[in-house]
C-alpha atoms as a PDB file:
ATOM      1  CA  UNK A   1     -73.112  -2.627  12.936  1.00  0.00           C
ATOM      2  CA  UNK A   2     -70.748  -5.599  12.665  1.00  0.00           C
ATOM      3  CA  UNK A   3     -67.290  -5.996  11.120  1.00  0.00           C
ATOM      4  CA  UNK A   4     -67.702  -8.445   8.240  1.00  0.00           C
ATOM      5  CA  UNK A   5     -64.032  -8.818   7.396  1.00  0.00           C
ATOM      6  CA  UNK A   6     -60.615  -7.179   7.611  1.00  0.00           C
ATOM      7  CA  UNK A   7     -58.424  -7.259   4.494  1.00  0.00           C
ATOM      8  CA  UNK A   8     -54.692  -6.473   4.452  1.00  0.00           C
ATOM      9  CA  UNK A   9     -53.636  -4.495   1.375  1.00  0.00           C
ATOM     10  CA  UNK A  10     -50.517  -2.404   0.674  1.00  0.00           C
ATOM     11  CA  UNK A  11     -49.496  -1.707   4.293  1.00  0.00           C
ATOM     12  CA  UNK A  12     -53.083  -0.894   5.253  1.00  0.00           C
ATOM     13  CA  UNK A  13     -56.103  -2.756   6.574  1.00  0.00           C
ATOM     14  CA  UNK A  14     -59.524  -2.391   4.959  1.00  0.00           C
ATOM     15  CA  UNK A  15     -62.253  -2.848   7.557  1.00  0.00           C
ATOM     16  CA  UNK A  16     -65.566  -3.821   5.930  1.00  0.00           C
ATOM     17  CA  UNK A  17     -68.866  -3.555   7.796  1.00  0.00           C
ATOM     18  CA  UNK A  18     -72.140  -5.430   7.255  1.00  0.00           C
ATOM     19  CA  UNK A  19     -73.868  -2.235   6.054  1.00  0.00           C
ATOM     20  CA  UNK A  20     -71.555  -2.026   3.030  1.00  0.00           C
ATOM     21  CA  UNK A  21     -69.287   0.680   4.435  1.00  0.00           C
ATOM     22  CA  UNK A  22     -65.515   0.271   4.675  1.00  0.00           C
ATOM     23  CA  UNK A  23     -62.576   2.184   6.133  1.00  0.00           C
ATOM     24  CA  UNK A  24     -58.862   1.896   5.296  1.00  0.00           C
ATOM     25  CA  UNK A  25     -56.682   2.144   8.395  1.00  0.00           C
ATOM     26  CA  UNK A  26     -53.055   1.655   9.438  1.00  0.00           C
ATOM     27  CA  UNK A  27     -51.940  -1.170  11.728  1.00  0.00           C
ATOM     28  CA  UNK A  28     -51.630   1.120  14.755  1.00  0.00           C
ATOM     29  CA  UNK A  29     -55.345   1.947  14.524  1.00  0.00           C
ATOM     30  CA  UNK A  30     -56.236  -1.728  14.151  1.00  0.00           C
ATOM     31  CA  UNK A  31     -54.322  -2.577  17.326  1.00  0.00           C
ATOM     32  CA  UNK A  32     -55.569   0.446  19.267  1.00  0.00           C
ATOM     33  CA  UNK A  33     -59.231  -0.437  18.700  1.00  0.00           C
ATOM     34  CA  UNK A  34     -58.599  -4.202  18.947  1.00  0.00           C
ATOM     35  CA  UNK A  35     -60.627  -4.807  15.780  1.00  0.00           C
ATOM     36  CA  UNK A  36     -61.534  -8.287  14.579  1.00  0.00           C
ATOM     37  CA  UNK A  37     -64.073 -10.018  12.358  1.00  0.00           C
ATOM     38  CA  UNK A  38     -67.498 -10.287  14.011  1.00  0.00           C
ATOM     39  CA  UNK A  39     -66.938  -7.361  16.385  1.00  0.00           C
ATOM     40  CA  UNK A  40     -70.150  -5.409  17.011  1.00  0.00           C
ATOM     41  CA  UNK A  41     -69.714  -1.640  16.971  1.00  0.00           C
ATOM     42  CA  UNK A  42     -71.903   1.475  17.068  1.00  0.00           C
ATOM     43  CA  UNK A  43     -73.574   2.719  13.888  1.00  0.00           C
ATOM     44  CA  UNK A  44     -71.282   5.754  13.640  1.00  0.00           C
ATOM     45  CA  UNK A  45     -68.118   3.816  14.492  1.00  0.00           C
ATOM     46  CA  UNK A  46     -66.810   4.022  10.920  1.00  0.00           C
ATOM     47  CA  UNK A  47     -66.660   7.836  11.158  1.00  0.00           C
ATOM     48  CA  UNK A  48     -64.865   7.900  14.510  1.00  0.00           C
ATOM     49  CA  UNK A  49     -62.488   5.163  13.288  1.00  0.00           C
ATOM     50  CA  UNK A  50     -61.646   7.210  10.194  1.00  0.00           C
ATOM     51  CA  UNK A  51     -61.049  10.392  12.224  1.00  0.00           C
ATOM     52  CA  UNK A  52     -58.848   8.610  14.756  1.00  0.00           C
ATOM     53  CA  UNK A  53     -56.913   6.879  11.985  1.00  0.00           C
ATOM     54  CA  UNK A  54     -56.193  10.221  10.306  1.00  0.00           C
ATOM     55  CA  UNK A  55     -54.741  11.493  13.574  1.00  0.00           C
ATOM     56  CA  UNK A  56     -52.692   8.308  13.950  1.00  0.00           C
ATOM     57  CA  UNK A  57     -51.330   8.707  10.414  1.00  0.00           C
ATOM     58  CA  UNK A  58     -50.368  12.318  11.161  1.00  0.00           C
ATOM     59  CA  UNK A  59     -48.550  11.226  14.322  1.00  0.00           C
ATOM     60  CA  UNK A  60     -46.657   8.471  12.457  1.00  0.00           C
ATOM     61  CA  UNK A  61     -45.625  10.896   9.684  1.00  0.00           C
ATOM     62  CA  UNK A  62     -44.443  13.439  12.239  1.00  0.00           C
ATOM     63  CA  UNK A  63     -42.411  10.850  14.161  1.00  0.00           C
ATOM     64  CA  UNK A  64     -40.670   9.745  10.970  1.00  0.00           C
ATOM     65  CA  UNK A  65     -39.909  13.348  10.075  1.00  0.00           C
ATOM     66  CA  UNK A  66     -38.568  13.891  13.583  1.00  0.00           C
ATOM     67  CA  UNK A  67     -35.653  11.507  12.975  1.00  0.00           C
ATOM     68  CA  UNK A  68     -33.676  14.764  12.928  1.00  0.00           C
ATOM     69  CA  UNK A  69     -34.648  17.392  15.490  1.00  0.00           C
ATOM     70  CA  UNK A  70     -37.285  19.804  14.156  1.00  0.00           C
ATOM     71  CA  UNK A  71     -39.216  22.858  15.342  1.00  0.00           C
ATOM     72  CA  UNK A  72     -42.992  22.936  15.803  1.00  0.00           C
ATOM     73  CA  UNK A  73     -43.367  25.089  12.694  1.00  0.00           C
ATOM     74  CA  UNK A  74     -41.318  22.678  10.572  1.00  0.00           C
ATOM     75  CA  UNK A  75     -43.566  19.809  11.688  1.00  0.00           C
ATOM     76  CA  UNK A  76     -46.695  21.857  10.964  1.00  0.00           C
ATOM     77  CA  UNK A  77     -45.454  22.818   7.492  1.00  0.00           C
ATOM     78  CA  UNK A  78     -44.496  19.209   6.743  1.00  0.00           C
ATOM     79  CA  UNK A  79     -47.892  17.814   7.789  1.00  0.00           C
ATOM     80  CA  UNK A  80     -49.667  20.562   5.851  1.00  0.00           C
ATOM     81  CA  UNK A  81     -47.753  19.521   2.712  1.00  0.00           C
ATOM     82  CA  UNK A  82     -48.921  15.963   3.400  1.00  0.00           C
ATOM     83  CA  UNK A  83     -52.513  17.299   3.313  1.00  0.00           C
ATOM     84  CA  UNK A  84     -53.212  16.604   6.987  1.00  0.00           C
ATOM     85  CA  UNK A  85     -56.152  18.651   8.321  1.00  0.00           C
ATOM     86  CA  UNK A  86     -55.372  21.703  10.480  1.00  0.00           C
ATOM     87  CA  UNK A  87     -57.216  20.154  13.413  1.00  0.00           C
ATOM     88  CA  UNK A  88     -55.140  16.972  13.267  1.00  0.00           C
ATOM     89  CA  UNK A  89     -51.947  18.985  12.811  1.00  0.00           C
ATOM     90  CA  UNK A  90     -52.610  20.866  16.062  1.00  0.00           C
ATOM     91  CA  UNK A  91     -53.545  17.650  17.881  1.00  0.00           C
ATOM     92  CA  UNK A  92     -50.369  15.991  16.609  1.00  0.00           C
ATOM     93  CA  UNK A  93     -48.210  18.917  17.770  1.00  0.00           C
ATOM     94  CA  UNK A  94     -49.844  18.735  21.216  1.00  0.00           C
ATOM     95  CA  UNK A  95     -49.306  14.968  21.367  1.00  0.00           C
ATOM     96  CA  UNK A  96     -45.652  15.201  20.298  1.00  0.00           C
ATOM     97  CA  UNK A  97     -45.028  17.936  22.858  1.00  0.00           C
ATOM     98  CA  UNK A  98     -46.813  15.999  25.593  1.00  0.00           C
ATOM     99  CA  UNK A  99     -44.706  12.896  24.906  1.00  0.00           C
ATOM    100  CA  UNK A 100     -41.510  14.950  24.877  1.00  0.00           C
ATOM    101  CA  UNK A 101     -40.785  14.325  21.189  1.00  0.00           C
ATOM    102  CA  UNK A 102     -41.099  18.011  20.319  1.00  0.00           C
ATOM    103  CA  UNK A 103     -39.454  20.814  22.278  1.00  0.00           C
ATOM    104  CA  UNK A 104     -38.756  24.153  20.611  1.00  0.00           C
ATOM    105  CA  UNK A 105     -36.303  25.191  23.336  1.00  0.00           C
ATOM    106  CA  UNK A 106     -34.203  22.039  22.851  1.00  0.00           C
ATOM    107  CA  UNK A 107     -34.398  22.584  19.096  1.00  0.00           C
ATOM    108  CA  UNK A 108     -33.191  26.183  19.484  1.00  0.00           C
ATOM    109  CA  UNK A 109     -30.253  25.180  21.709  1.00  0.00           C
ATOM    110  CA  UNK A 110     -29.245  22.414  19.300  1.00  0.00           C
ATOM    111  CA  UNK A 111     -29.511  24.812  16.351  1.00  0.00           C
ATOM    112  CA  UNK A 112     -27.334  27.394  18.132  1.00  0.00           C
ATOM    113  CA  UNK A 113     -24.586  24.854  18.780  1.00  0.00           C
ATOM    114  CA  UNK A 114     -24.613  23.617  15.174  1.00  0.00           C
ATOM    115  CA  UNK A 115     -24.757  27.127  13.710  1.00  0.00           C
ATOM    116  CA  UNK A 116     -21.767  28.264  15.752  1.00  0.00           C
ATOM    117  CA  UNK A 117     -19.610  25.162  15.432  1.00  0.00           C
ATOM    118  CA  UNK A 118     -20.438  23.918  11.934  1.00  0.00           C
ATOM    119  CA  UNK A 119     -21.601  27.005  10.048  1.00  0.00           C
ATOM    120  CA  UNK A 120     -19.668  29.657  11.990  1.00  0.00           C
ATOM    121  CA  UNK A 121     -22.652  32.018  12.009  1.00  0.00           C
ATOM    122  CA  UNK A 122     -22.811  35.075  14.226  1.00  0.00           C
ATOM    123  CA  UNK A 123     -25.436  35.492  16.946  1.00  0.00           C
ATOM    124  CA  UNK A 124     -27.598  37.926  14.954  1.00  0.00           C
ATOM    125  CA  UNK A 125     -27.957  35.537  12.025  1.00  0.00           C
ATOM    126  CA  UNK A 126     -28.610  32.625  14.389  1.00  0.00           C
ATOM    127  CA  UNK A 127     -31.421  34.485  16.148  1.00  0.00           C
ATOM    128  CA  UNK A 128     -32.958  35.605  12.867  1.00  0.00           C
ATOM    129  CA  UNK A 129     -32.808  32.059  11.475  1.00  0.00           C
ATOM    130  CA  UNK A 130     -34.565  30.712  14.575  1.00  0.00           C
ATOM    131  CA  UNK A 131     -37.275  33.353  14.189  1.00  0.00           C
ATOM    132  CA  UNK A 132     -37.731  32.329  10.544  1.00  0.00           C
ATOM    133  CA  UNK A 133     -38.133  28.717  11.676  1.00  0.00           C
ATOM    134  CA  UNK A 134     -41.088  29.728  13.831  1.00  0.00           C
ATOM    135  CA  UNK A 135     -39.384  29.779  17.223  1.00  0.00           C
ATOM    136  CA  UNK A 136     -41.022  32.303  19.576  1.00  0.00           C
ATOM    137  CA  UNK A 137     -39.120  35.402  20.693  1.00  0.00           C
ATOM    138  CA  UNK A 138     -39.266  34.266  24.330  1.00  0.00           C
ATOM    139  CA  UNK A 139     -37.671  30.905  23.526  1.00  0.00           C
ATOM    140  CA  UNK A 140     -35.030  32.553  21.304  1.00  0.00           C
ATOM    141  CA  UNK A 141     -34.142  34.948  24.115  1.00  0.00           C
ATOM    142  CA  UNK A 142     -33.908  32.094  26.630  1.00  0.00           C
ATOM    143  CA  UNK A 143     -31.888  29.825  24.306  1.00  0.00           C
ATOM    144  CA  UNK A 144     -29.527  32.676  23.402  1.00  0.00           C
ATOM    145  CA  UNK A 145     -27.866  32.195  26.787  1.00  0.00           C
ATOM    146  CA  UNK A 146     -26.273  29.126  25.169  1.00  0.00           C
ATOM    147  CA  UNK A 147     -24.408  31.246  22.607  1.00  0.00           C
ATOM    148  CA  UNK A 148     -20.693  30.888  23.303  1.00  0.00           C
ATOM    149  CA  UNK A 149     -19.200  34.406  23.309  1.00  0.00           C
ATOM    150  CA  UNK A 150     -15.633  33.143  23.040  1.00  0.00           C
ATOM    151  CA  UNK A 151     -16.536  30.944  20.077  1.00  0.00           C
ATOM    152  CA  UNK A 152     -18.362  33.904  18.530  1.00  0.00           C
ATOM    153  CA  UNK A 153     -15.171  35.970  18.669  1.00  0.00           C
ATOM    154  CA  UNK A 154     -12.963  33.109  17.460  1.00  0.00           C
ATOM    155  CA  UNK A 155     -15.268  32.447  14.497  1.00  0.00           C
ATOM    156  CA  UNK A 156     -15.272  36.120  13.536  1.00  0.00           C
ATOM    157  CA  UNK A 157     -11.485  36.211  13.858  1.00  0.00           C
ATOM    158  CA  UNK A 158     -11.000  33.083  11.755  1.00  0.00           C
ATOM    159  CA  UNK A 159     -13.326  34.309   8.999  1.00  0.00           C
ATOM    160  CA  UNK A 160     -11.699  37.741   9.060  1.00  0.00           C
ATOM    161  CA  UNK A 161      -8.216  36.299   8.526  1.00  0.00           C
ATOM    162  CA  UNK A 162      -9.470  34.103   5.717  1.00  0.00           C
ATOM    163  CA  UNK A 163     -11.296  36.898   3.892  1.00  0.00           C
ATOM    164  CA  UNK A 164      -8.802  39.702   4.517  1.00  0.00           C
ATOM    165  CA  UNK A 165      -5.878  37.577   3.332  1.00  0.00           C
ATOM    166  CA  UNK A 166      -3.382  40.079   4.817  1.00  0.00           C
ATOM    167  CA  UNK A 167      -4.854  42.917   2.740  1.00  0.00           C
ATOM    168  CA  UNK A 168      -5.841  45.626   5.245  1.00  0.00           C
ATOM    169  CA  UNK A 169      -6.536  48.343   2.708  1.00  0.00           C
ATOM    170  CA  UNK A 170      -9.613  50.502   3.318  1.00  0.00           C
ATOM    171  CA  UNK A 171     -11.444  49.007   0.327  1.00  0.00           C
ATOM    172  CA  UNK A 172     -10.749  45.394   1.277  1.00  0.00           C
ATOM    173  CA  UNK A 173     -11.570  45.938   4.948  1.00  0.00           C
ATOM    174  CA  UNK A 174     -14.966  47.323   3.957  1.00  0.00           C
ATOM    175  CA  UNK A 175     -15.652  44.177   1.937  1.00  0.00           C
ATOM    176  CA  UNK A 176     -14.639  41.961   4.855  1.00  0.00           C
ATOM    177  CA  UNK A 177     -16.772  43.961   7.291  1.00  0.00           C
ATOM    178  CA  UNK A 178     -19.826  43.615   5.032  1.00  0.00           C
ATOM    179  CA  UNK A 179     -19.179  39.882   4.761  1.00  0.00           C
ATOM    180  CA  UNK A 180     -18.958  39.432   8.532  1.00  0.00           C
ATOM    181  CA  UNK A 181     -22.058  41.549   9.127  1.00  0.00           C
ATOM    182  CA  UNK A 182     -23.933  39.343   6.660  1.00  0.00           C
ATOM    183  CA  UNK A 183     -22.765  36.303   8.656  1.00  0.00           C
ATOM    184  CA  UNK A 184     -24.493  37.774  11.690  1.00  0.00           C
ATOM    185  CA  UNK A 185     -21.574  39.143  13.681  1.00  0.00           C
ATOM    186  CA  UNK A 186     -22.047  42.321  15.679  1.00  0.00           C
ATOM    187  CA  UNK A 187     -20.010  45.311  14.516  1.00  0.00           C
ATOM    188  CA  UNK A 188     -18.387  45.630  17.954  1.00  0.00           C
ATOM    189  CA  UNK A 189     -16.892  42.131  17.600  1.00  0.00           C
ATOM    190  CA  UNK A 190     -15.710  42.853  14.052  1.00  0.00           C
ATOM    191  CA  UNK A 191     -14.097  46.098  15.224  1.00  0.00           C
ATOM    192  CA  UNK A 192     -12.378  44.249  18.083  1.00  0.00           C
ATOM    193  CA  UNK A 193     -10.950  41.699  15.626  1.00  0.00           C
ATOM    194  CA  UNK A 194      -9.709  44.418  13.249  1.00  0.00           C
ATOM    195  CA  UNK A 195      -8.054  46.389  16.059  1.00  0.00           C
ATOM    196  CA  UNK A 196      -6.354  43.260  17.357  1.00  0.00           C
ATOM    197  CA  UNK A 197      -4.910  42.432  13.934  1.00  0.00           C
ATOM    198  CA  UNK A 198      -3.785  45.995  13.255  1.00  0.00           C
ATOM    199  CA  UNK A 199      -1.933  46.159  16.561  1.00  0.00           C
ATOM    200  CA  UNK A 200      -0.035  42.912  16.006  1.00  0.00           C
END
C-alpha cells in the first residue's frame, strides 16, 4: 500500500492511500510516522495509524487540560466526556504519569495548601474533597502530613469570630459550631477556640 497524497484541512492531515482508503490525523502523528507522498506501507497500516492517532489526540487533549494541576480521575472524566475510548484513556494516564505530568500526590498536596489558605477549609472537608476527586486513601493519608495544624486553628478562630459576631449565646454558638463542622473543622479545635474566647 502506498500513500497517494497528504492533504492539510482544518488543523488535520488527510492521508490518502492508493487502495482508496484515507485517515485523518493530527500533525504530531504525521511527524511521528514521518509520512510523505509515495511512502510504501503495510496493508494494515491505515488501522494502526488510526489507533495511534487516537492515542495521540487523547494525550494532546489531556496536556491542554493539565494547564492547571489535575487528578487522575479528573483527567479520566474529561477524556471520557471527549469520547476517548477507555483503552486510550488508560494508556494516556500511564503516559502522563510516566512523563511526570500527572502525580496524584503532588495534586493532593497542592489542593491541601489551596484549601487551607484560600478557602479556609478544615482538614476533614479537605480529605473528603480529595476522596471525591478520586485520590486514593493511601495518598490522602500521606499528603495529610502537609496540613498545617497552626493554620487550621487560626482559620477556625477567624471564622468563629466572624460568625459569632460577639454573640456567645447558647443558640448562636450552636449555629456557629454547626457552620464550622460543615467547613470540616474537628470539634476539638472548635471547642478550643470557644474556650479561648470565653476566657478572654
